[in-house]
Amino acid sequence: MKDGMEKIKRISVVDATVTYIKKQIVDGAIKPGQQLPSERTLQESLGVSRFTLREALARLSALGIVEITHGKGAFIAKEMNPSSLENVFFPLFANQNIQSLIDFFEARMLIESEAVRLCAQRRTEEDLEKLKDILERSKAALDDPLTFGELDFLFHNKVSQAAGNIFIDKMMGCLNEYIKKYLLMLANNPENRSRSLVNHRSILEMIEKKDVDNAGKITRKHLNQTFEMLTRFDSADDTPIAPDDLLKLFSQ
């Protein structure tokens, strides 16, 4: 019992240390990019052991809040690390039952439809030219499923970047691995490729015209076509979907 109580106490001190450093950042006492005081200074000021401090810093590093450089020390991250959010979402994607996929595509519709609206409002001429180039390359790759799937992903990715919202861009960044996976599956079907190209042309037309409302509407309709495919499965079934079954679904 004694060992268990000591373990709980140790973990609580680590949690308290993590919370304290996070609060210092939120309050502006420590700025992004700023180096944290030395381990010895932090130990003395916080009244914690070296082990506790290092465990707390390791946890903050895993969250993407702190960057630890060997020989230099610990620094507050300037930007959010997408990989840290990927780790948060990993259990959801690892589960991969039908309900988790439905939730994923619902989230995509919310985020991407707003990203397109902002892109239509804020895009530059350079953004427009890049999107047009991606679309031309997609047309040329219409009979090449792998290349088309890569370009399909690139189109969505470029739109999120051109939205000019760092939070949307970072959220999309942490989902990119999974978005790309499903777009490549969709690209195995010739009808999906043709439909995607038509939809992307319509979206690009609205972006070029800076037609914010219609850009969002067309994007939601585009993503909803994939969403409707998922309704062919029983959402109450918690059984993980096998990769081969997913490939068959998106290739129909």
C-alpha atoms as a PDB file:
ATOM      1  CA  MET A   1       0.000   0.000   0.000  1.00  0.00           C
ATOM      2  CA  LYS A   2       2.821   2.361   0.865  1.00  0.00           C
ATOM      3  CA  ASP A   3       4.463   1.919  -2.551  1.00  0.00           C
ATOM      4  CA  GLY A   4       1.147   2.613  -4.263  1.00  0.00           C
ATOM      5  CA  MET A   5       0.585   5.787  -2.279  1.00  0.00           C
ATOM      6  CA  GLU A   6       4.074   7.021  -3.099  1.00  0.00           C
ATOM      7  CA  LYS A   7       3.491   6.372  -6.790  1.00  0.00           C
ATOM      8  CA  ILE A   8       0.240   8.356  -6.786  1.00  0.00           C
ATOM      9  CA  LYS A   9       1.985  11.186  -4.954  1.00  0.00           C
ATOM     10  CA  ARG A  10       4.847  11.220  -7.481  1.00  0.00           C
ATOM     11  CA  ILE A  11       2.484  11.352 -10.444  1.00  0.00           C
ATOM     12  CA  SER A  12       0.490  14.189  -8.855  1.00  0.00           C
ATOM     13  CA  VAL A  13       3.658  16.253  -8.439  1.00  0.00           C
ATOM     14  CA  VAL A  14       4.519  15.705 -12.107  1.00  0.00           C
ATOM     15  CA  ASP A  15       1.011  16.770 -13.097  1.00  0.00           C
ATOM     16  CA  ALA A  16       1.286  19.859 -10.908  1.00  0.00           C
ATOM     17  CA  THR A  17       4.620  20.766 -12.522  1.00  0.00           C
ATOM     18  CA  VAL A  18       3.178  20.359 -16.017  1.00  0.00           C
ATOM     19  CA  THR A  19       0.141  22.469 -15.080  1.00  0.00           C
ATOM     20  CA  TYR A  20       2.334  25.186 -13.571  1.00  0.00           C
ATOM     21  CA  ILE A  21       4.526  25.539 -16.670  1.00  0.00           C
ATOM     22  CA  LYS A  22       1.469  25.541 -18.958  1.00  0.00           C
ATOM     23  CA  LYS A  23      -0.125  28.278 -16.837  1.00  0.00           C
ATOM     24  CA  GLN A  24       3.066  30.339 -17.039  1.00  0.00           C
ATOM     25  CA  ILE A  25       2.816  30.175 -20.839  1.00  0.00           C
ATOM     26  CA  VAL A  26      -0.904  31.049 -20.891  1.00  0.00           C
ATOM     27  CA  ASP A  27      -0.320  33.982 -18.521  1.00  0.00           C
ATOM     28  CA  GLY A  28       2.479  35.270 -20.741  1.00  0.00           C
ATOM     29  CA  ALA A  29       5.189  34.861 -18.116  1.00  0.00           C
ATOM     30  CA  ILE A  30       7.026  32.575 -20.561  1.00  0.00           C
ATOM     31  CA  LYS A  31       6.888  33.422 -24.265  1.00  0.00           C
ATOM     32  CA  PRO A  32       6.977  31.072 -27.285  1.00  0.00           C
ATOM     33  CA  GLY A  33      10.591  30.514 -28.311  1.00  0.00           C
ATOM     34  CA  GLN A  34      11.891  31.499 -24.871  1.00  0.00           C
ATOM     35  CA  GLN A  35      14.309  29.203 -23.103  1.00  0.00           C
ATOM     36  CA  LEU A  36      13.229  27.795 -19.757  1.00  0.00           C
ATOM     37  CA  PRO A  37      15.518  28.332 -16.755  1.00  0.00           C
ATOM     38  CA  SER A  38      18.106  25.645 -16.044  1.00  0.00           C
ATOM     39  CA  GLU A  39      17.017  22.379 -14.427  1.00  0.00           C
ATOM     40  CA  ARG A  40      18.656  23.355 -11.157  1.00  0.00           C
ATOM     41  CA  THR A  41      16.854  26.723 -11.100  1.00  0.00           C
ATOM     42  CA  LEU A  42      13.508  25.117 -11.885  1.00  0.00           C
ATOM     43  CA  GLN A  43      14.032  22.425  -9.258  1.00  0.00           C
ATOM     44  CA  GLU A  44      14.745  25.024  -6.601  1.00  0.00           C
ATOM     45  CA  SER A  45      11.940  27.405  -7.552  1.00  0.00           C
ATOM     46  CA  LEU A  46       9.324  24.643  -7.875  1.00  0.00           C
ATOM     47  CA  GLY A  47      10.610  22.525  -5.007  1.00  0.00           C
ATOM     48  CA  VAL A  48      10.613  19.312  -7.030  1.00  0.00           C
ATOM     49  CA  SER A  49      13.120  16.555  -7.626  1.00  0.00           C
ATOM     50  CA  ARG A  50      15.236  16.214 -10.747  1.00  0.00           C
ATOM     51  CA  PHE A  51      13.264  13.091 -11.706  1.00  0.00           C
ATOM     52  CA  THR A  52       9.925  14.904 -11.374  1.00  0.00           C
ATOM     53  CA  LEU A  53      11.103  17.869 -13.433  1.00  0.00           C
ATOM     54  CA  ARG A  54      12.495  15.708 -16.220  1.00  0.00           C
ATOM     55  CA  GLU A  55       9.322  13.637 -16.383  1.00  0.00           C
ATOM     56  CA  ALA A  56       7.249  16.836 -16.570  1.00  0.00           C
ATOM     57  CA  LEU A  57       9.449  18.263 -19.334  1.00  0.00           C
ATOM     58  CA  ALA A  58       9.266  14.976 -21.241  1.00  0.00           C
ATOM     59  CA  ARG A  59       5.482  15.108 -21.050  1.00  0.00           C
ATOM     60  CA  LEU A  60       5.421  18.713 -22.264  1.00  0.00           C
ATOM     61  CA  SER A  61       7.755  17.732 -25.089  1.00  0.00           C
ATOM     62  CA  ALA A  62       5.446  14.870 -26.127  1.00  0.00           C
ATOM     63  CA  LEU A  63       2.577  17.365 -26.230  1.00  0.00           C
ATOM     64  CA  GLY A  64       4.585  19.632 -28.528  1.00  0.00           C
ATOM     65  CA  ILE A  65       4.633  22.439 -25.947  1.00  0.00           C
ATOM     66  CA  VAL A  66       8.330  22.244 -25.109  1.00  0.00           C
ATOM     67  CA  GLU A  67      11.268  21.516 -27.409  1.00  0.00           C
ATOM     68  CA  ILE A  68      14.290  19.965 -25.719  1.00  0.00           C
ATOM     69  CA  THR A  69      17.640  20.453 -27.458  1.00  0.00           C
ATOM     70  CA  HIS A  70      20.560  18.396 -26.186  1.00  0.00           C
ATOM     71  CA  GLY A  71      23.286  20.615 -24.804  1.00  0.00           C
ATOM     72  CA  LYS A  72      21.171  23.769 -24.989  1.00  0.00           C
ATOM     73  CA  GLY A  73      18.148  23.178 -22.780  1.00  0.00           C
ATOM     74  CA  ALA A  74      14.361  23.375 -23.001  1.00  0.00           C
ATOM     75  CA  PHE A  75      12.515  25.983 -25.080  1.00  0.00           C
ATOM     76  CA  ILE A  76       8.829  26.840 -25.385  1.00  0.00           C
ATOM     77  CA  ALA A  77       7.711  25.777 -28.864  1.00  0.00           C
ATOM     78  CA  LYS A  78       6.997  28.600 -31.296  1.00  0.00           C
ATOM     79  CA  GLU A  79       4.434  26.586 -33.213  1.00  0.00           C
ATOM     80  CA  MET A  80       2.166  23.645 -32.569  1.00  0.00           C
ATOM     81  CA  ASN A  81       3.685  20.352 -33.636  1.00  0.00           C
ATOM     82  CA  PRO A  82       1.167  18.451 -35.830  1.00  0.00           C
ATOM     83  CA  SER A  83       2.639  15.127 -34.718  1.00  0.00           C
ATOM     84  CA  SER A  84       1.546  15.820 -31.152  1.00  0.00           C
ATOM     85  CA  LEU A  85      -2.077  16.113 -32.284  1.00  0.00           C
ATOM     86  CA  GLU A  86      -1.672  13.025 -34.450  1.00  0.00           C
ATOM     87  CA  ASN A  87      -0.781  11.122 -31.290  1.00  0.00           C
ATOM     88  CA  VAL A  88      -3.953  12.401 -29.625  1.00  0.00           C
ATOM     89  CA  PHE A  89      -6.108  11.240 -32.536  1.00  0.00           C
ATOM     90  CA  PHE A  90      -4.287   7.937 -33.046  1.00  0.00           C
ATOM     91  CA  PRO A  91      -6.572   5.827 -30.783  1.00  0.00           C
ATOM     92  CA  LEU A  92      -9.627   7.055 -32.699  1.00  0.00           C
ATOM     93  CA  PHE A  93      -8.186   6.009 -36.051  1.00  0.00           C
ATOM     94  CA  ALA A  94      -6.771   2.786 -34.647  1.00  0.00           C
ATOM     95  CA  ASN A  95     -10.311   1.827 -33.637  1.00  0.00           C
ATOM     96  CA  GLN A  96     -11.595   2.496 -37.170  1.00  0.00           C
ATOM     97  CA  ASN A  97     -15.123   1.205 -36.768  1.00  0.00           C
ATOM     98  CA  ILE A  98     -17.831   2.713 -38.913  1.00  0.00           C
ATOM     99  CA  GLN A  99     -18.930   5.292 -36.333  1.00  0.00           C
ATOM    100  CA  SER A 100     -15.387   6.652 -35.952  1.00  0.00           C
ATOM    101  CA  LEU A 101     -15.178   7.030 -39.745  1.00  0.00           C
ATOM    102  CA  ILE A 102     -18.527   8.825 -39.839  1.00  0.00           C
ATOM    103  CA  ASP A 103     -17.300  11.173 -37.098  1.00  0.00           C
ATOM    104  CA  PHE A 104     -14.081  11.744 -39.058  1.00  0.00           C
ATOM    105  CA  PHE A 105     -15.916  12.740 -42.242  1.00  0.00           C
ATOM    106  CA  GLU A 106     -18.336  14.954 -40.315  1.00  0.00           C
ATOM    107  CA  ALA A 107     -15.321  16.779 -38.874  1.00  0.00           C
ATOM    108  CA  ARG A 108     -13.817  17.076 -42.344  1.00  0.00           C
ATOM    109  CA  MET A 109     -17.010  18.642 -43.684  1.00  0.00           C
ATOM    110  CA  LEU A 110     -17.016  21.220 -40.902  1.00  0.00           C
ATOM    111  CA  ILE A 111     -13.331  22.127 -41.168  1.00  0.00           C
ATOM    112  CA  GLU A 112     -12.860  21.938 -44.935  1.00  0.00           C
ATOM    113  CA  SER A 113     -16.051  23.742 -45.891  1.00  0.00           C
ATOM    114  CA  GLU A 114     -14.992  26.675 -43.714  1.00  0.00           C
ATOM    115  CA  ALA A 115     -11.420  26.455 -45.042  1.00  0.00           C
ATOM    116  CA  VAL A 116     -12.749  26.784 -48.607  1.00  0.00           C
ATOM    117  CA  ARG A 117     -14.901  29.755 -47.614  1.00  0.00           C
ATOM    118  CA  LEU A 118     -11.875  31.517 -46.139  1.00  0.00           C
ATOM    119  CA  CYS A 119      -9.749  30.544 -49.135  1.00  0.00           C
ATOM    120  CA  ALA A 120     -12.307  32.125 -51.481  1.00  0.00           C
ATOM    121  CA  GLN A 121     -12.222  35.267 -49.383  1.00  0.00           C
ATOM    122  CA  ARG A 122      -8.455  35.560 -48.849  1.00  0.00           C
ATOM    123  CA  ARG A 123      -6.709  33.709 -51.665  1.00  0.00           C
ATOM    124  CA  THR A 124      -3.916  35.452 -53.544  1.00  0.00           C
ATOM    125  CA  GLU A 125      -3.217  35.249 -57.252  1.00  0.00           C
ATOM    126  CA  GLU A 126      -0.318  32.940 -56.422  1.00  0.00           C
ATOM    127  CA  ASP A 127      -2.670  30.633 -54.500  1.00  0.00           C
ATOM    128  CA  LEU A 128      -5.049  30.614 -57.449  1.00  0.00           C
ATOM    129  CA  GLU A 129      -2.305  29.713 -59.923  1.00  0.00           C
ATOM    130  CA  LYS A 130      -1.114  26.840 -57.731  1.00  0.00           C
ATOM    131  CA  LEU A 131      -4.638  25.438 -57.450  1.00  0.00           C
ATOM    132  CA  LYS A 132      -5.120  25.723 -61.216  1.00  0.00           C
ATOM    133  CA  ASP A 133      -1.837  23.891 -61.779  1.00  0.00           C
ATOM    134  CA  ILE A 134      -2.894  21.068 -59.444  1.00  0.00           C
ATOM    135  CA  LEU A 135      -6.187  20.765 -61.318  1.00  0.00           C
ATOM    136  CA  GLU A 136      -4.468  20.627 -64.718  1.00  0.00           C
ATOM    137  CA  ARG A 137      -2.137  17.907 -63.467  1.00  0.00           C
ATOM    138  CA  SER A 138      -5.126  16.037 -62.028  1.00  0.00           C
ATOM    139  CA  LYS A 139      -6.821  16.112 -65.437  1.00  0.00           C
ATOM    140  CA  ALA A 140      -3.691  14.692 -67.052  1.00  0.00           C
ATOM    141  CA  ALA A 141      -3.532  11.949 -64.395  1.00  0.00           C
ATOM    142  CA  LEU A 142      -7.180  10.918 -64.686  1.00  0.00           C
ATOM    143  CA  ASP A 143      -6.176   7.384 -65.759  1.00  0.00           C
ATOM    144  CA  ASP A 144      -3.491   7.073 -63.071  1.00  0.00           C
ATOM    145  CA  PRO A 145      -5.189   6.299 -59.715  1.00  0.00           C
ATOM    146  CA  LEU A 146      -2.110   6.781 -57.525  1.00  0.00           C
ATOM    147  CA  THR A 147      -1.011  10.089 -59.064  1.00  0.00           C
ATOM    148  CA  PHE A 148      -4.580  11.379 -59.141  1.00  0.00           C
ATOM    149  CA  GLY A 149      -5.062  10.495 -55.465  1.00  0.00           C
ATOM    150  CA  GLU A 150      -1.868  12.339 -54.532  1.00  0.00           C
ATOM    151  CA  LEU A 151      -3.004  15.431 -56.450  1.00  0.00           C
ATOM    152  CA  ASP A 152      -6.503  15.209 -54.959  1.00  0.00           C
ATOM    153  CA  PHE A 153      -4.909  15.370 -51.517  1.00  0.00           C
ATOM    154  CA  LEU A 154      -2.638  18.216 -52.634  1.00  0.00           C
ATOM    155  CA  PHE A 155      -5.657  20.266 -53.769  1.00  0.00           C
ATOM    156  CA  HIS A 156      -7.366  19.946 -50.373  1.00  0.00           C
ATOM    157  CA  ASN A 157      -4.104  20.682 -48.585  1.00  0.00           C
ATOM    158  CA  LYS A 158      -3.409  23.814 -50.631  1.00  0.00           C
ATOM    159  CA  VAL A 159      -6.931  25.134 -49.994  1.00  0.00           C
ATOM    160  CA  SER A 160      -6.452  24.793 -46.224  1.00  0.00           C
ATOM    161  CA  GLN A 161      -3.126  26.651 -46.445  1.00  0.00           C
ATOM    162  CA  ALA A 162      -4.647  29.426 -48.564  1.00  0.00           C
ATOM    163  CA  ALA A 163      -7.424  29.904 -45.979  1.00  0.00           C
ATOM    164  CA  GLY A 164      -4.960  32.009 -44.014  1.00  0.00           C
ATOM    165  CA  ASN A 165      -5.973  30.589 -40.635  1.00  0.00           C
ATOM    166  CA  ILE A 166      -3.159  28.971 -38.692  1.00  0.00           C
ATOM    167  CA  PHE A 167      -5.518  26.870 -36.547  1.00  0.00           C
ATOM    168  CA  ILE A 168      -7.343  25.424 -39.553  1.00  0.00           C
ATOM    169  CA  ASP A 169      -4.044  24.749 -41.292  1.00  0.00           C
ATOM    170  CA  LYS A 170      -2.618  22.961 -38.235  1.00  0.00           C
ATOM    171  CA  MET A 171      -5.806  20.950 -37.639  1.00  0.00           C
ATOM    172  CA  MET A 172      -5.768  19.829 -41.252  1.00  0.00           C
ATOM    173  CA  GLY A 173      -2.072  19.065 -40.905  1.00  0.00           C
ATOM    174  CA  CYS A 174      -2.698  16.601 -38.101  1.00  0.00           C
ATOM    175  CA  LEU A 175      -5.402  14.878 -40.185  1.00  0.00           C
ATOM    176  CA  ASN A 176      -3.416  14.817 -43.432  1.00  0.00           C
ATOM    177  CA  GLU A 177      -2.139  11.267 -43.058  1.00  0.00           C
ATOM    178  CA  TYR A 178      -5.686   9.937 -42.721  1.00  0.00           C
ATOM    179  CA  ILE A 179      -7.231  12.222 -45.344  1.00  0.00           C
ATOM    180  CA  LYS A 180      -4.611  11.111 -47.843  1.00  0.00           C
ATOM    181  CA  LYS A 181      -5.271   7.465 -47.037  1.00  0.00           C
ATOM    182  CA  TYR A 182      -8.961   7.752 -47.897  1.00  0.00           C
ATOM    183  CA  LEU A 183      -8.419   9.918 -50.973  1.00  0.00           C
ATOM    184  CA  LEU A 184      -6.038   7.304 -52.357  1.00  0.00           C
ATOM    185  CA  MET A 185      -8.700   4.640 -51.749  1.00  0.00           C
ATOM    186  CA  LEU A 186     -11.340   6.753 -53.493  1.00  0.00           C
ATOM    187  CA  ALA A 187      -9.012   7.258 -56.455  1.00  0.00           C
ATOM    188  CA  ASN A 188      -9.101   3.513 -57.205  1.00  0.00           C
ATOM    189  CA  ASN A 189     -12.523   3.993 -58.785  1.00  0.00           C
ATOM    190  CA  PRO A 190     -12.592   5.785 -62.203  1.00  0.00           C
ATOM    191  CA  GLU A 191     -16.022   7.278 -61.432  1.00  0.00           C
ATOM    192  CA  ASN A 192     -14.719   8.722 -58.157  1.00  0.00           C
ATOM    193  CA  ARG A 193     -11.798  10.315 -59.999  1.00  0.00           C
ATOM    194  CA  SER A 194     -14.042  11.903 -62.621  1.00  0.00           C
ATOM    195  CA  ARG A 195     -16.501  13.135 -60.010  1.00  0.00           C
ATOM    196  CA  SER A 196     -13.694  14.573 -57.895  1.00  0.00           C
ATOM    197  CA  LEU A 197     -12.240  16.445 -60.865  1.00  0.00           C
ATOM    198  CA  VAL A 198     -15.643  17.974 -61.711  1.00  0.00           C
ATOM    199  CA  ASN A 199     -16.205  18.993 -58.095  1.00  0.00           C
ATOM    200  CA  HIS A 200     -12.749  20.498 -57.762  1.00  0.00           C
ATOM    201  CA  ARG A 201     -13.322  22.542 -60.931  1.00  0.00           C
ATOM    202  CA  SER A 202     -16.544  23.919 -59.450  1.00  0.00           C
ATOM    203  CA  ILE A 203     -14.825  24.698 -56.148  1.00  0.00           C
ATOM    204  CA  LEU A 204     -11.941  26.412 -57.919  1.00  0.00           C
ATOM    205  CA  GLU A 205     -14.375  28.475 -59.998  1.00  0.00           C
ATOM    206  CA  MET A 206     -16.008  29.768 -56.796  1.00  0.00           C
ATOM    207  CA  ILE A 207     -12.584  30.454 -55.251  1.00  0.00           C
ATOM    208  CA  GLU A 208     -11.549  32.413 -58.350  1.00  0.00           C
ATOM    209  CA  LYS A 209     -14.781  34.437 -58.241  1.00  0.00           C
ATOM    210  CA  LYS A 210     -14.390  34.883 -54.464  1.00  0.00           C
ATOM    211  CA  ASP A 211     -17.900  33.475 -54.100  1.00  0.00           C
ATOM    212  CA  VAL A 212     -17.584  32.538 -50.425  1.00  0.00           C
ATOM    213  CA  ASP A 213     -21.031  31.013 -49.835  1.00  0.00           C
ATOM    214  CA  ASN A 214     -21.138  28.816 -52.930  1.00  0.00           C
ATOM    215  CA  ALA A 215     -17.553  27.674 -52.384  1.00  0.00           C
ATOM    216  CA  GLY A 216     -18.614  26.307 -48.990  1.00  0.00           C
ATOM    217  CA  LYS A 217     -21.826  24.740 -50.315  1.00  0.00           C
ATOM    218  CA  ILE A 218     -20.083  22.912 -53.164  1.00  0.00           C
ATOM    219  CA  THR A 219     -17.389  21.629 -50.816  1.00  0.00           C
ATOM    220  CA  ARG A 220     -19.947  20.243 -48.363  1.00  0.00           C
ATOM    221  CA  LYS A 221     -21.758  18.545 -51.244  1.00  0.00           C
ATOM    222  CA  HIS A 222     -18.447  17.129 -52.514  1.00  0.00           C
ATOM    223  CA  LEU A 223     -17.492  15.661 -49.134  1.00  0.00           C
ATOM    224  CA  ASN A 224     -21.029  14.446 -48.491  1.00  0.00           C
ATOM    225  CA  GLN A 225     -20.772  12.100 -51.464  1.00  0.00           C
ATOM    226  CA  THR A 226     -18.069  10.163 -49.625  1.00  0.00           C
ATOM    227  CA  PHE A 227     -19.950  10.451 -46.349  1.00  0.00           C
ATOM    228  CA  GLU A 228     -22.992   8.777 -47.915  1.00  0.00           C
ATOM    229  CA  MET A 229     -20.874   5.777 -48.880  1.00  0.00           C
ATOM    230  CA  LEU A 230     -20.247   5.125 -45.194  1.00  0.00           C
ATOM    231  CA  THR A 231     -23.970   4.846 -44.468  1.00  0.00           C
ATOM    232  CA  ARG A 232     -23.925   1.516 -46.306  1.00  0.00           C
ATOM    233  CA  PHE A 233     -22.364   0.058 -43.174  1.00  0.00           C
ATOM    234  CA  ASP A 234     -24.141  -0.504 -39.868  1.00  0.00           C
ATOM    235  CA  SER A 235     -22.950   2.351 -37.622  1.00  0.00           C
ATOM    236  CA  ALA A 236     -23.989   0.375 -34.513  1.00  0.00           C
ATOM    237  CA  ASP A 237     -21.414  -2.299 -35.300  1.00  0.00           C
ATOM    238  CA  ASP A 238     -18.297  -1.687 -33.197  1.00  0.00           C
ATOM    239  CA  THR A 239     -16.212  -4.177 -35.169  1.00  0.00           C
ATOM    240  CA  PRO A 240     -13.155  -2.502 -36.742  1.00  0.00           C
ATOM    241  CA  ILE A 241     -13.384  -2.342 -40.522  1.00  0.00           C
ATOM    242  CA  ALA A 242     -10.692  -4.340 -42.280  1.00  0.00           C
ATOM    243  CA  PRO A 243      -8.506  -2.364 -44.754  1.00  0.00           C
ATOM    244  CA  ASP A 244      -9.673  -4.608 -47.617  1.00  0.00           C
ATOM    245  CA  ASP A 245     -13.328  -3.849 -46.793  1.00  0.00           C
ATOM    246  CA  LEU A 246     -12.577  -0.116 -46.791  1.00  0.00           C
ATOM    247  CA  LEU A 247     -10.836  -0.403 -50.140  1.00  0.00           C
ATOM    248  CA  LYS A 248     -13.842  -2.276 -51.585  1.00  0.00           C
ATOM    249  CA  LEU A 249     -16.231   0.357 -50.208  1.00  0.00           C
ATOM    250  CA  PHE A 250     -14.350   3.322 -51.656  1.00  0.00           C
ATOM    251  CA  SER A 251     -13.778   1.524 -54.956  1.00  0.00           C
ATOM    252  CA  GLN A 252     -17.487   0.978 -55.594  1.00  0.00           C
END
